[in-house]
């Protein structure tokens, strides 16, 4: 049984490989996540994972709405 089968909502942000490097995908926007005024694209995998953790933390603290 997967988390989705348990009724747990999918994470809003996920790291995935883009055309050039890695990106943080925002499922709500249906595109790259926005960090400040920039899109989270063309990153190293480590950069993308760090940004994803930061965005998830901000979402959990209510800084980023659901």
N, C-alpha and C. Protein backbone atom coordinates (compact mmCIF):
# COMPACT_ATOMS: atom_id res chain seq x y z
N UNK A 1 0.85 -1.18 0.00
CA UNK A 1 0.00 0.00 0.00
C UNK A 1 0.89 1.24 0.00
N UNK A 2 0.62 2.18 -0.90
CA UNK A 2 1.41 3.40 -0.98
C UNK A 2 0.80 4.46 -0.10
N UNK A 3 1.54 5.58 0.07
CA UNK A 3 1.01 6.69 0.86
C UNK A 3 -0.26 7.26 0.25
N UNK A 4 -0.31 7.29 -1.07
CA UNK A 4 -1.49 7.81 -1.75
C UNK A 4 -2.72 6.95 -1.42
N UNK A 5 -2.52 5.63 -1.33
CA UNK A 5 -3.63 4.73 -0.98
C UNK A 5 -4.11 4.97 0.45
N UNK A 6 -3.24 5.45 1.33
CA UNK A 6 -3.59 5.70 2.72
C UNK A 6 -4.36 7.01 2.89
N UNK A 7 -4.52 7.78 1.82
CA UNK A 7 -5.24 9.03 1.91
C UNK A 7 -4.35 10.21 2.26
N UNK A 8 -3.08 10.00 2.35
CA UNK A 8 -2.13 11.06 2.66
C UNK A 8 -1.93 11.93 1.42
N UNK A 9 -2.04 13.26 1.54
CA UNK A 9 -1.89 14.11 0.36
C UNK A 9 -0.45 14.08 -0.17
N UNK A 10 -0.33 14.19 -1.49
CA UNK A 10 0.98 14.22 -2.12
C UNK A 10 1.68 15.52 -1.77
N UNK A 11 2.98 15.48 -1.71
CA UNK A 11 3.76 16.66 -1.43
C UNK A 11 3.57 17.69 -2.54
N UNK A 12 3.48 18.96 -2.17
CA UNK A 12 3.29 20.01 -3.17
C UNK A 12 4.54 20.16 -4.04
N UNK A 13 5.72 20.01 -3.46
CA UNK A 13 6.98 20.23 -4.17
C UNK A 13 7.71 18.91 -4.36
N UNK A 14 8.36 18.75 -5.52
CA UNK A 14 9.20 17.59 -5.72
C UNK A 14 10.37 17.94 -6.62
N UNK A 15 11.46 17.24 -6.42
CA UNK A 15 12.67 17.44 -7.22
C UNK A 15 12.59 16.49 -8.41
N UNK A 16 12.83 17.04 -9.59
CA UNK A 16 12.85 16.20 -10.78
C UNK A 16 13.86 16.74 -11.78
N UNK A 17 14.26 15.88 -12.69
CA UNK A 17 15.25 16.28 -13.67
C UNK A 17 14.56 17.08 -14.77
N UNK A 18 15.17 18.21 -15.13
CA UNK A 18 14.64 19.07 -16.19
C UNK A 18 15.45 18.88 -17.46
N UNK A 19 15.28 19.81 -18.41
CA UNK A 19 16.03 19.74 -19.65
C UNK A 19 17.51 19.98 -19.40
N UNK A 20 17.82 20.96 -18.55
CA UNK A 20 19.20 21.27 -18.18
C UNK A 20 19.28 21.18 -16.66
N UNK A 21 19.84 20.13 -16.17
CA UNK A 21 19.97 20.00 -14.72
C UNK A 21 18.67 19.59 -14.05
N UNK A 22 18.51 20.03 -12.80
CA UNK A 22 17.40 19.63 -11.96
C UNK A 22 16.50 20.82 -11.66
N UNK A 23 15.28 20.54 -11.23
CA UNK A 23 14.32 21.58 -10.92
C UNK A 23 13.49 21.16 -9.71
N UNK A 24 12.84 22.15 -9.10
CA UNK A 24 11.85 21.88 -8.06
C UNK A 24 10.50 22.16 -8.71
N UNK A 25 9.69 21.12 -8.81
CA UNK A 25 8.38 21.22 -9.45
C UNK A 25 7.32 21.51 -8.40
N UNK A 26 6.44 22.44 -8.69
CA UNK A 26 5.35 22.83 -7.81
C UNK A 26 4.06 22.26 -8.40
N UNK A 27 3.50 21.25 -7.74
CA UNK A 27 2.29 20.62 -8.27
C UNK A 27 1.10 21.57 -8.30
N UNK A 28 1.05 22.52 -7.40
CA UNK A 28 -0.07 23.47 -7.39
C UNK A 28 0.02 24.42 -8.59
N UNK A 29 1.21 24.90 -8.90
CA UNK A 29 1.39 25.80 -10.05
C UNK A 29 1.43 25.03 -11.36
N UNK A 30 1.70 23.73 -11.28
CA UNK A 30 1.90 22.88 -12.45
C UNK A 30 3.07 23.37 -13.30
N UNK A 31 4.15 23.68 -12.59
CA UNK A 31 5.36 24.15 -13.25
C UNK A 31 6.45 24.33 -12.21
N UNK A 32 7.56 24.94 -12.61
CA UNK A 32 8.66 25.14 -11.67
C UNK A 32 8.26 25.99 -10.47
N UNK A 33 8.82 25.67 -9.32
CA UNK A 33 8.57 26.46 -8.12
C UNK A 33 9.20 27.84 -8.28
N UNK A 34 8.59 28.82 -7.65
CA UNK A 34 9.11 30.19 -7.67
C UNK A 34 9.80 30.44 -6.34
N UNK A 35 11.06 30.89 -6.42
CA UNK A 35 11.84 31.24 -5.23
C UNK A 35 12.20 32.71 -5.37
N UNK A 36 11.56 33.54 -4.57
CA UNK A 36 11.75 34.99 -4.74
C UNK A 36 11.12 35.42 -6.04
N UNK A 37 11.94 35.84 -6.99
CA UNK A 37 11.45 36.21 -8.32
C UNK A 37 11.99 35.28 -9.40
N UNK A 38 12.65 34.19 -8.98
CA UNK A 38 13.27 33.26 -9.92
C UNK A 38 12.58 31.91 -9.91
N UNK A 39 12.66 31.21 -11.04
CA UNK A 39 12.17 29.85 -11.12
C UNK A 39 13.27 28.90 -10.64
N UNK A 40 12.87 27.83 -9.95
CA UNK A 40 13.83 26.85 -9.43
C UNK A 40 14.14 25.83 -10.52
N UNK A 41 14.92 26.26 -11.51
CA UNK A 41 15.29 25.41 -12.65
C UNK A 41 16.79 25.49 -12.89
N UNK A 42 17.31 24.55 -13.69
CA UNK A 42 18.72 24.50 -14.07
C UNK A 42 19.63 24.46 -12.85
N UNK A 43 19.31 23.60 -11.90
CA UNK A 43 20.04 23.48 -10.65
C UNK A 43 20.81 22.17 -10.60
N UNK A 44 21.76 22.09 -9.66
CA UNK A 44 22.34 20.80 -9.36
C UNK A 44 21.31 20.05 -8.52
N UNK A 45 21.46 18.75 -8.43
CA UNK A 45 20.51 17.97 -7.63
C UNK A 45 20.55 18.41 -6.17
N UNK A 46 21.72 18.71 -5.66
CA UNK A 46 21.87 19.15 -4.27
C UNK A 46 21.15 20.48 -4.04
N UNK A 47 21.29 21.43 -4.97
CA UNK A 47 20.61 22.72 -4.85
C UNK A 47 19.09 22.52 -4.85
N UNK A 48 18.61 21.69 -5.75
CA UNK A 48 17.17 21.45 -5.85
C UNK A 48 16.64 20.81 -4.57
N UNK A 49 17.36 19.85 -4.02
CA UNK A 49 16.93 19.20 -2.79
C UNK A 49 16.91 20.17 -1.61
N UNK A 50 17.88 21.06 -1.56
CA UNK A 50 17.94 22.07 -0.49
C UNK A 50 16.76 23.04 -0.61
N UNK A 51 16.45 23.48 -1.82
CA UNK A 51 15.33 24.38 -2.05
C UNK A 51 14.02 23.68 -1.70
N UNK A 52 13.88 22.42 -2.09
CA UNK A 52 12.66 21.67 -1.77
C UNK A 52 12.46 21.60 -0.26
N UNK A 53 13.51 21.29 0.49
CA UNK A 53 13.41 21.22 1.95
C UNK A 53 13.00 22.58 2.53
N UNK A 54 13.58 23.65 2.01
CA UNK A 54 13.25 24.99 2.49
C UNK A 54 11.79 25.33 2.21
N UNK A 55 11.31 25.04 1.00
CA UNK A 55 9.93 25.32 0.65
C UNK A 55 8.96 24.48 1.49
N UNK A 56 9.29 23.22 1.72
CA UNK A 56 8.42 22.36 2.53
C UNK A 56 8.38 22.86 3.97
N UNK A 57 9.51 23.31 4.48
CA UNK A 57 9.55 23.85 5.85
C UNK A 57 8.69 25.10 5.95
N UNK A 58 8.80 25.99 4.96
CA UNK A 58 7.99 27.21 4.96
C UNK A 58 6.51 26.88 4.85
N UNK A 59 6.18 25.86 4.09
CA UNK A 59 4.78 25.46 3.95
C UNK A 59 4.24 24.91 5.27
N UNK A 60 5.04 24.10 5.94
CA UNK A 60 4.63 23.53 7.23
C UNK A 60 4.44 24.62 8.28
N UNK A 61 5.23 25.69 8.21
CA UNK A 61 5.11 26.80 9.17
C UNK A 61 4.04 27.80 8.77
N UNK A 62 3.38 27.57 7.63
CA UNK A 62 2.30 28.45 7.20
C UNK A 62 2.74 29.68 6.45
N UNK A 63 4.02 29.77 6.10
CA UNK A 63 4.52 30.92 5.34
C UNK A 63 4.05 30.83 3.88
N UNK A 64 4.01 29.60 3.36
CA UNK A 64 3.51 29.35 2.01
C UNK A 64 2.15 28.68 2.16
N UNK A 65 1.09 29.23 1.57
CA UNK A 65 -0.23 28.61 1.72
C UNK A 65 -0.33 27.29 0.97
N UNK A 66 -1.28 26.46 1.39
CA UNK A 66 -1.50 25.16 0.73
C UNK A 66 -2.07 25.34 -0.64
